[in-house]
Each structure stands twice: as C-alpha cells, then as structure tokens.
Amino acid sequence: MGWLDGMRKILVLFQKPINWLIVALPFALFAEIFHWGDFWIFILSCIGIVPLAGLIGEATESLAVYTGPKIGGLLNATLGNAAELIITLVAIQAGLIELVKASITGSILGNLLLVLGASIFLGGLRHGVQSFDRRQASNHAILLIIVVIGLAIPSLFSHSIGPDDSIQVEALSIGVAIVLMILYALGLVYTLKTAKSPISYPPTETHTQNHGFTKVEALVLLTISTLGVVWLSEMLVGAVEHVVSNIGVSEFFLGIILIPLVGNVAEHLVAVQVALKNQMELSVEIAVSSSLQIALFVAPVLVFVSLLMGNPLTLIFNQFELIALIAAVVVAALVSSDGESNWLEGVALIGVYLILGVGFFLLPS
C-alpha cells in the first residue's frame, strides 16, 4: 500500500496544471543528447524550471507545516527565490555578470509591477474595491525606498571612485551588501516576534499545505527539485550566448524579463490566486516581500558568492535599470498608499511594466 500512497501524493501535486510542464524535462535531456540546437535547449530548460520552482515551493510549504508558522515563514523567506538564485549562481560561474544584474532588476520589477498589477486587476474585476493594511503598505514603501537607495548609491558613486573593476568600487558594493543583509536579518528577527513582517510573510492556512507529505518526503522532494533546477540552469545558461547571437534578443532583455518569470512564475500564480479569493493583504505581502527578498538577501549573497567564484559582481546598475526601479517603487507606493485597490490601478501597474519591457527589448545588444 506504500506505493499507492506515494502515487496518490504525486497525483495531488499534478492537480495544478502548471506542474504538467514537468514533461519538458525528458525533452530537454533529448535536446542535449541529440543536439537539437541551443534554441530548443534554452526553451525546454526554461519550461522545465517552471514546475520545479513550484515543487520547491510545495516542499517548503510542507516543511512549514511541521516547523510551525514562524519558522515556516523563515523557510519561505530563505527558499522563496531558490530557483532564481540557482540560475544566477550558474550564470556567475559562466561569467555572465550583466545577465545576473539584469535578473536582479527584473525580479524586483516583475513583482512590483506585473505580479502586483495582475493580482490587483483580477481581484478587482471579481470583487471590486479590495482593501489591505495601510500601515503595512507604509512599511513596504519605506523598505522599497531603502532598496532603491542601496542599489543606486554604488551605481552613482562608482564613477567618482574609480573603474567598475577597481578594489574601491568592489569595497563599496561589499559595504552596501553588508548593510542590506543586516536589514534583512533584522526583518527576520521582526518576523519571529510579530505575526506579520514586510520582509517575510508567514505561511497561512490559505497559503500552506502539506499535501500529506511526511517531513522526510518533503525533504526528498525539495532535494530532487533543487538538483533538477541546477541541471536545467546549467543547460539554460550554456545556451544563452548562442540564443542571443542567433535570435538577436539582447542578453540584457533575457535577464530582465525572461529569467525572473521562469524562476518565480509559481509564486506569482499564488499571489494572483489569493487575490481572486479576496485576500488582497496576503497577495500584496507575497509580491512585495519577494521583491524585498531579492534586494535585501539574494543580491547581497550574490556579491559575496561571486567573489568566491572569481567573477566579482558589483552592485552597479546602468541608468536604464535605475530609472525603471525608481519608477516601479514610486508607482507601487502610490497605488498601495491608501490601503485600497481596484482593477484600474492593476492595469496601470501592468501598463508600466509593458512600457519598460518594450524599452528594454529595443535597447541594442
């Protein structure tokens, strides 16, 4: 009966249509073995990462059931962006630093504009005006402004300090990264002491399920999914340069639009689903917290890990990325400042994202 119980649990996972994309894995393997070409390897790797990222989330949620809401919140905070972190680590190892920096920017933009916008739009269409905690929205806005300052200062000051690859500029990035990680750590402390946090949303009955998995089964699922993402990420990154040269799409566009969507689409769908259930406060928390995790945790970690890999990553972003970040934070803060949302505000957020996407697409390689 053990194998029947295992099959039942697997079938429960595949009740979500997004998990059906797992069929891309064997085709990605075939594309690699039979040399179908870098384009197909890239596309199939992207598709395969989507369900694996979702399964990492499923495993994390299952573990959170056993650890309790507060430790579960820490698990969500730490592993919420695991798939994208893996992709960027593989890209750093390959020396694709600009792709990594673009993906950091793209993740923040995607969560603040596309995910929050889609959640507000679809939730507003179904329920009309939706409300959420105004004080929490204020906390979000303050931290997002700090994020913009933290990412802008190295970019603006570096020109007066020295070349981008100089020791002084690297020291500036390391210093800023340390401050951002301290802010993130304090946010986690705040999570343990309070029911809500603007950095790490705790799991709730609507967001956390164990699907009948035991603790060991959840750990096995987490391990297998993570290894799968590592494997596909290596194939994806290995095909990027050929895709860029053959199709004409810039590496910058792939990093700022495509990579963040691939790594976070499962979490994005959760934000939209809870908005459709009229739980707008949780939806806003998911979208904004994911942006904060990228800026306060993932980006600083990449700075230090890149030093160990021998391909230093500095927190120096180009003017287009800085303008986009400032625009996203300002628009998101204005939309959430009154603690209420409607579908038109969601359309506005999506519109800003599409405008930025067109601009990034037309930038020369």
Protein backbone atom coordinates (compact mmCIF):
# COMPACT_ATOMS: atom_id res chain seq x y z
CA MET A 1 0.00 0.00 0.00
CA GLY A 2 3.02 2.26 0.38
CA TRP A 3 3.44 2.77 -3.34
CA LEU A 4 -0.28 3.51 -3.70
CA ASP A 5 0.00 6.23 -1.06
CA GLY A 6 3.02 7.65 -2.88
CA MET A 7 1.12 7.71 -6.18
CA ARG A 8 -1.79 9.49 -4.50
CA LYS A 9 0.51 12.22 -3.22
CA ILE A 10 2.08 12.65 -6.65
CA LEU A 11 -1.35 12.90 -8.26
CA VAL A 12 -2.29 15.60 -5.75
CA LEU A 13 0.70 17.65 -6.90
CA PHE A 14 -0.36 17.32 -10.51
CA GLN A 15 -3.79 18.74 -9.79
CA LYS A 16 -2.06 22.04 -10.55
CA PRO A 17 -1.85 22.42 -14.35
CA ILE A 18 1.48 24.27 -14.09
CA ASN A 19 3.11 21.08 -12.79
CA TRP A 20 2.24 19.31 -16.04
CA LEU A 21 5.11 21.26 -17.61
CA ILE A 22 7.41 18.73 -15.94
CA VAL A 23 7.17 16.77 -19.21
CA ALA A 24 9.68 19.29 -20.61
CA LEU A 25 12.46 17.62 -18.57
CA PRO A 26 12.93 14.49 -20.73
CA PHE A 27 12.67 16.60 -23.88
CA ALA A 28 15.37 18.94 -22.54
CA LEU A 29 17.54 15.86 -22.00
CA PHE A 30 16.85 14.63 -25.53
CA ALA A 31 17.69 18.09 -26.90
CA GLU A 32 21.06 17.93 -25.15
CA ILE A 33 21.88 14.35 -26.14
CA PHE A 34 20.73 14.50 -29.76
CA HIS A 35 21.97 18.06 -30.39
CA TRP A 36 18.66 19.65 -31.32
CA GLY A 37 20.27 23.07 -31.08
CA ASP A 38 20.80 25.72 -28.42
CA PHE A 39 17.45 27.37 -29.11
CA TRP A 40 15.48 24.24 -28.14
CA ILE A 41 17.75 23.53 -25.19
CA PHE A 42 17.13 27.07 -23.94
CA ILE A 43 13.34 26.95 -24.42
CA LEU A 44 12.88 23.47 -22.91
CA SER A 45 15.13 24.33 -19.97
CA CYS A 46 13.07 27.44 -19.25
CA ILE A 47 9.82 25.46 -19.39
CA GLY A 48 11.24 22.69 -17.18
CA ILE A 49 12.41 25.09 -14.48
CA VAL A 50 8.89 26.49 -14.03
CA PRO A 51 7.30 23.37 -12.42
CA LEU A 52 10.49 22.53 -10.50
CA ALA A 53 10.45 26.01 -8.94
CA GLY A 54 6.84 25.35 -7.98
CA LEU A 55 7.74 21.99 -6.44
CA ILE A 56 10.45 23.67 -4.35
CA GLY A 57 7.68 25.91 -3.05
CA GLU A 58 5.40 22.91 -2.40
CA ALA A 59 8.15 21.15 -0.44
CA THR A 60 8.89 24.30 1.56
CA GLU A 61 5.22 24.70 2.44
CA SER A 62 5.01 21.06 3.50
CA LEU A 63 8.01 21.51 5.79
CA ALA A 64 6.46 24.68 7.18
CA VAL A 65 3.50 22.64 8.44
CA TYR A 66 5.87 20.69 10.72
CA THR A 67 8.02 23.64 11.80
CA GLY A 68 5.21 26.00 12.78
CA PRO A 69 4.21 29.38 11.30
CA LYS A 70 7.22 31.42 12.43
CA ILE A 71 9.97 29.02 11.35
CA GLY A 72 7.86 28.28 8.29
CA GLY A 73 7.97 31.98 7.48
CA LEU A 74 11.75 31.84 7.63
CA LEU A 75 11.76 28.85 5.27
CA ASN A 76 9.58 30.72 2.81
CA ALA A 77 11.85 33.75 3.11
CA THR A 78 15.00 31.70 2.53
CA LEU A 79 13.80 29.33 -0.20
CA GLY A 80 11.15 31.52 -1.84
CA ASN A 81 13.58 32.58 -4.57
CA ALA A 82 15.69 29.41 -4.62
CA ALA A 83 15.20 28.68 -8.33
CA GLU A 84 16.26 32.14 -9.42
CA LEU A 85 19.20 32.12 -7.01
CA ILE A 86 20.41 28.86 -8.56
CA ILE A 87 20.10 30.27 -12.10
CA THR A 88 22.07 33.38 -11.17
CA LEU A 89 24.79 31.34 -9.43
CA VAL A 90 25.25 29.24 -12.56
CA ALA A 91 25.34 32.44 -14.64
CA ILE A 92 28.02 33.94 -12.37
CA GLN A 93 30.11 30.81 -12.75
CA ALA A 94 29.80 31.22 -16.52
CA GLY A 95 30.88 34.87 -16.27
CA LEU A 96 27.51 36.31 -17.37
CA ILE A 97 27.55 39.12 -14.81
CA GLU A 98 25.35 41.54 -16.77
CA LEU A 99 22.70 38.82 -17.12
CA VAL A 100 22.75 38.34 -13.34
CA LYS A 101 22.40 42.06 -12.58
CA ALA A 102 19.58 42.35 -15.11
CA SER A 103 17.76 39.42 -13.46
CA ILE A 104 18.00 41.15 -10.06
CA THR A 105 16.39 44.26 -11.52
CA GLY A 106 13.85 42.20 -13.45
CA SER A 107 12.74 40.27 -10.37
CA ILE A 108 12.01 43.47 -8.47
CA LEU A 109 10.19 45.00 -11.43
CA GLY A 110 8.22 41.82 -12.13
CA ASN A 111 6.95 41.50 -8.58
CA LEU A 112 6.11 45.17 -8.06
CA LEU A 113 4.53 45.81 -11.45
CA LEU A 114 3.46 42.58 -13.20
CA VAL A 115 2.55 40.34 -10.25
CA LEU A 116 1.05 43.04 -8.03
CA GLY A 117 -0.65 44.55 -11.06
CA ALA A 118 -2.17 41.24 -12.20
CA SER A 119 -3.31 40.48 -8.65
CA ILE A 120 -4.99 43.88 -8.23
CA PHE A 121 -6.51 43.74 -11.71
CA LEU A 122 -8.02 40.24 -11.48
CA GLY A 123 -9.00 40.62 -7.84
CA GLY A 124 -10.64 43.95 -8.61
CA LEU A 125 -12.59 42.53 -11.54
CA ARG A 126 -14.05 39.83 -9.29
CA HIS A 127 -14.52 41.71 -6.01
CA GLY A 128 -14.47 45.41 -6.86
CA VAL A 129 -12.54 47.59 -4.43
CA GLN A 130 -10.26 45.48 -2.20
CA SER A 131 -8.58 46.61 0.99
CA PHE A 132 -5.38 45.75 2.85
CA ASP A 133 -3.41 47.01 5.83
CA ARG A 134 -2.44 50.63 5.20
CA ARG A 135 0.28 50.61 7.88
CA GLN A 136 1.84 47.53 6.34
CA ALA A 137 1.79 49.24 2.96
CA SER A 138 3.67 52.16 4.54
CA ASN A 139 6.31 49.75 5.89
CA HIS A 140 6.63 48.25 2.44
CA ALA A 141 7.11 51.67 0.86
CA ILE A 142 9.85 52.64 3.33
CA LEU A 143 11.80 49.43 2.76
CA LEU A 144 11.41 49.70 -1.02
CA ILE A 145 12.83 53.22 -0.93
CA ILE A 146 15.77 51.91 1.12
CA VAL A 147 16.24 49.21 -1.54
CA VAL A 148 16.41 51.83 -4.30
CA ILE A 149 18.92 53.87 -2.27
CA GLY A 150 21.02 50.78 -1.55
CA LEU A 151 21.15 49.81 -5.23
CA ALA A 152 21.56 53.37 -6.56
CA ILE A 153 24.39 54.60 -4.32
CA PRO A 154 27.09 52.24 -5.68
CA SER A 155 25.95 52.99 -9.24
CA LEU A 156 26.07 56.77 -8.77
CA PHE A 157 29.20 56.97 -6.61
CA SER A 158 31.32 54.47 -8.55
CA HIS A 159 32.06 56.92 -11.38
CA SER A 160 33.84 59.21 -8.94
CA ILE A 161 35.56 56.41 -7.01
CA GLY A 162 37.23 54.52 -9.84
CA PRO A 163 36.74 51.94 -12.62
CA ASP A 164 33.99 49.35 -12.14
CA ASP A 165 36.54 46.58 -11.56
CA SER A 166 38.63 48.56 -9.06
CA ILE A 167 39.11 47.46 -5.46
CA GLN A 168 37.47 50.65 -4.19
CA VAL A 169 34.27 50.04 -6.15
CA GLU A 170 34.18 46.40 -5.04
CA ALA A 171 34.61 47.56 -1.44
CA LEU A 172 31.67 49.94 -1.86
CA SER A 173 29.47 47.11 -3.16
CA ILE A 174 30.54 44.83 -0.32
CA GLY A 175 29.79 47.53 2.25
CA VAL A 176 26.32 48.16 0.83
CA ALA A 177 25.69 44.40 0.63
CA ILE A 178 26.56 44.02 4.32
CA VAL A 179 24.12 46.78 5.30
CA LEU A 180 21.34 45.24 3.17
CA MET A 181 21.90 41.81 4.72
CA ILE A 182 21.77 43.32 8.21
CA LEU A 183 18.42 44.90 7.33
CA TYR A 184 17.22 41.53 6.07
CA ALA A 185 18.40 39.75 9.25
CA LEU A 186 16.61 42.34 11.41
CA GLY A 187 13.50 41.75 9.32
CA LEU A 188 13.69 38.04 10.09
CA VAL A 189 14.05 38.84 13.80
CA TYR A 190 10.96 41.02 13.47
CA THR A 191 9.19 38.07 11.84
CA LEU A 192 9.87 35.85 14.85
CA LYS A 193 8.49 38.43 17.25
CA THR A 194 5.40 39.57 15.36
CA ALA A 195 2.64 37.99 13.32
CA LYS A 196 3.49 39.97 10.19
CA SER A 197 6.63 41.21 8.52
CA PRO A 198 7.22 43.35 5.45
CA ILE A 199 10.17 41.11 4.56
CA SER A 200 8.93 37.57 5.17
CA TYR A 201 5.30 36.61 5.02
CA PRO A 202 4.39 33.73 7.36
CA PRO A 203 2.54 30.73 5.95
CA THR A 204 -1.20 30.70 6.46
CA GLU A 205 -3.94 28.14 6.02
CA THR A 206 -4.63 29.59 2.58
CA HIS A 207 -1.02 29.52 1.50
CA THR A 208 0.44 26.47 3.21
CA GLN A 209 -0.47 22.83 2.65
CA ASN A 210 1.41 19.63 3.35
CA HIS A 211 -0.31 17.53 0.64
CA GLY A 212 0.03 14.57 3.04
CA PHE A 213 3.83 14.57 2.78
CA THR A 214 5.89 13.45 5.73
CA LYS A 215 8.90 15.54 6.73
CA VAL A 216 11.28 13.10 5.01
CA GLU A 217 9.19 13.05 1.83
CA ALA A 218 9.14 16.85 1.76
CA LEU A 219 12.92 16.95 2.14
CA VAL A 220 13.34 14.40 -0.67
CA LEU A 221 11.04 16.44 -2.93
CA LEU A 222 12.99 19.60 -2.09
CA THR A 223 16.33 17.92 -2.84
CA ILE A 224 15.23 16.37 -6.15
CA SER A 225 13.59 19.61 -7.33
CA THR A 226 16.66 21.65 -6.41
CA LEU A 227 19.01 19.28 -8.25
CA GLY A 228 16.70 19.43 -11.26
CA VAL A 229 16.83 23.23 -11.27
CA VAL A 230 20.64 23.12 -11.04
CA TRP A 231 20.85 20.78 -14.04
CA LEU A 232 18.42 22.79 -16.19
CA SER A 233 20.05 26.08 -15.16
CA GLU A 234 23.42 24.84 -16.44
CA MET A 235 21.86 23.96 -19.80
CA LEU A 236 19.92 27.25 -19.95
CA VAL A 237 22.95 29.41 -19.18
CA GLY A 238 25.12 27.40 -21.56
CA ALA A 239 22.71 28.18 -24.40
CA VAL A 240 22.18 31.89 -23.63
CA GLU A 241 25.05 33.30 -25.71
CA HIS A 242 24.08 31.29 -28.79
CA VAL A 243 20.43 32.31 -28.44
CA VAL A 244 21.44 35.97 -28.12
CA SER A 245 23.62 35.84 -31.23
CA ASN A 246 21.19 33.82 -33.36
CA ILE A 247 17.84 35.41 -32.46
CA GLY A 248 19.01 38.97 -31.91
CA VAL A 249 17.43 39.34 -28.46
CA SER A 250 19.84 41.02 -26.08
CA GLU A 251 21.30 39.26 -23.05
CA PHE A 252 20.04 42.21 -21.04
CA PHE A 253 16.42 41.62 -22.14
CA LEU A 254 16.63 37.91 -21.33
CA GLY A 255 17.92 38.73 -17.85
CA ILE A 256 15.44 41.45 -17.02
CA ILE A 257 12.26 39.87 -18.43
CA LEU A 258 12.55 36.13 -19.11
CA ILE A 259 14.78 34.76 -16.32
CA PRO A 260 12.74 36.32 -13.45
CA LEU A 261 9.50 34.99 -14.94
CA VAL A 262 10.91 31.47 -15.28
CA GLY A 263 12.21 31.35 -11.72
CA ASN A 264 9.20 32.90 -10.00
CA VAL A 265 6.11 32.07 -12.04
CA ALA A 266 4.80 29.55 -9.49
CA GLU A 267 4.95 32.11 -6.67
CA HIS A 268 3.43 34.71 -8.98
CA LEU A 269 0.41 32.48 -9.54
CA VAL A 270 -0.05 32.09 -5.78
CA ALA A 271 -0.27 35.89 -5.39
CA VAL A 272 -2.92 36.08 -8.11
CA GLN A 273 -4.88 33.13 -6.69
CA VAL A 274 -5.17 34.61 -3.20
CA ALA A 275 -6.21 37.96 -4.71
CA LEU A 276 -9.03 36.16 -6.54
CA LYS A 277 -10.08 34.78 -3.13
CA ASN A 278 -10.34 38.39 -1.89
CA GLN A 279 -7.26 38.04 0.33
CA MET A 280 -5.57 41.11 -1.05
CA GLU A 281 -3.42 41.70 2.01
CA LEU A 282 -1.68 38.35 1.56
CA SER A 283 -1.35 38.92 -2.18
CA VAL A 284 0.37 42.28 -1.64
CA GLU A 285 2.59 40.72 1.02
CA ILE A 286 3.72 37.95 -1.36
CA ALA A 287 4.50 40.32 -4.25
CA VAL A 288 6.31 42.98 -2.23
CA SER A 289 8.09 40.57 0.11
CA SER A 290 9.53 38.69 -2.85
CA SER A 291 10.96 41.96 -4.20
CA LEU A 292 12.47 42.77 -0.82
CA GLN A 293 13.97 39.29 -0.51
CA ILE A 294 15.68 39.70 -3.88
CA ALA A 295 17.12 43.11 -3.00
CA LEU A 296 18.00 42.54 0.67
CA PHE A 297 19.07 38.89 0.56
CA VAL A 298 19.67 37.44 -2.90
CA ALA A 299 21.62 40.39 -4.35
CA PRO A 300 24.00 40.74 -1.34
CA VAL A 301 24.55 36.96 -1.24
CA LEU A 302 25.48 37.02 -4.92
CA VAL A 303 28.04 39.77 -4.23
CA PHE A 304 29.89 37.56 -1.74
CA VAL A 305 29.47 34.28 -3.63
CA SER A 306 30.75 35.89 -6.84
CA LEU A 307 33.99 36.78 -5.04
CA LEU A 308 34.47 33.12 -4.12
CA MET A 309 33.80 32.10 -7.73
CA GLY A 310 36.38 34.52 -9.07
CA ASN A 311 33.84 36.59 -11.07
CA PRO A 312 33.14 39.59 -8.82
CA LEU A 313 29.66 41.08 -9.09
CA THR A 314 29.29 44.71 -8.05
CA LEU A 315 26.01 46.46 -7.28
CA ILE A 316 26.48 48.84 -10.18
CA PHE A 317 23.43 49.08 -12.41
CA ASN A 318 23.04 51.07 -15.61
CA GLN A 319 20.89 54.18 -15.88
CA PHE A 320 18.00 52.33 -17.50
CA GLU A 321 17.78 49.84 -14.63
CA LEU A 322 17.89 52.62 -12.04
CA ILE A 323 15.17 54.61 -13.78
CA ALA A 324 13.00 51.51 -14.03
CA LEU A 325 13.49 50.67 -10.33
CA ILE A 326 12.63 54.19 -9.23
CA ALA A 327 9.52 54.22 -11.44
CA ALA A 328 8.36 50.83 -10.15
CA VAL A 329 8.79 51.76 -6.48
CA VAL A 330 7.07 55.14 -6.89
CA VAL A 331 4.09 53.72 -8.79
CA ALA A 332 3.68 50.74 -6.43
CA ALA A 333 3.89 53.02 -3.38
CA LEU A 334 1.28 55.40 -4.79
CA VAL A 335 -1.11 52.56 -5.66
CA SER A 336 -0.88 51.00 -2.18
CA SER A 337 -0.71 54.21 -0.11
CA ASP A 338 -4.46 54.38 0.63
CA GLY A 339 -4.83 50.72 1.64
CA GLU A 340 -7.32 50.09 -1.17
CA SER A 341 -7.06 48.83 -4.73
CA ASN A 342 -9.24 48.50 -7.83
CA TRP A 343 -8.80 46.90 -11.23
CA LEU A 344 -7.80 50.18 -12.91
CA GLU A 345 -4.78 50.51 -10.60
CA GLY A 346 -3.80 46.98 -11.55
CA VAL A 347 -3.97 47.89 -15.24
CA ALA A 348 -1.76 50.90 -14.54
CA LEU A 349 0.93 48.73 -12.93
CA ILE A 350 0.86 46.23 -15.80
CA GLY A 351 0.99 49.11 -18.28
CA VAL A 352 4.18 50.48 -16.71
CA TYR A 353 5.74 47.01 -16.87
CA LEU A 354 4.86 46.63 -20.56
CA ILE A 355 6.25 50.09 -21.37
CA LEU A 356 9.52 49.23 -19.65
CA GLY A 357 9.56 45.83 -21.39
CA VAL A 358 9.26 47.43 -24.83
CA GLY A 359 12.05 49.84 -23.96
CA PHE A 360 14.35 47.06 -22.75
CA PHE A 361 13.56 44.95 -25.83
CA LEU A 362 14.58 47.74 -28.20
CA LEU A 363 17.84 48.51 -26.40
CA PRO A 364 20.79 47.45 -28.56
CA SER A 365 22.69 44.34 -27.50
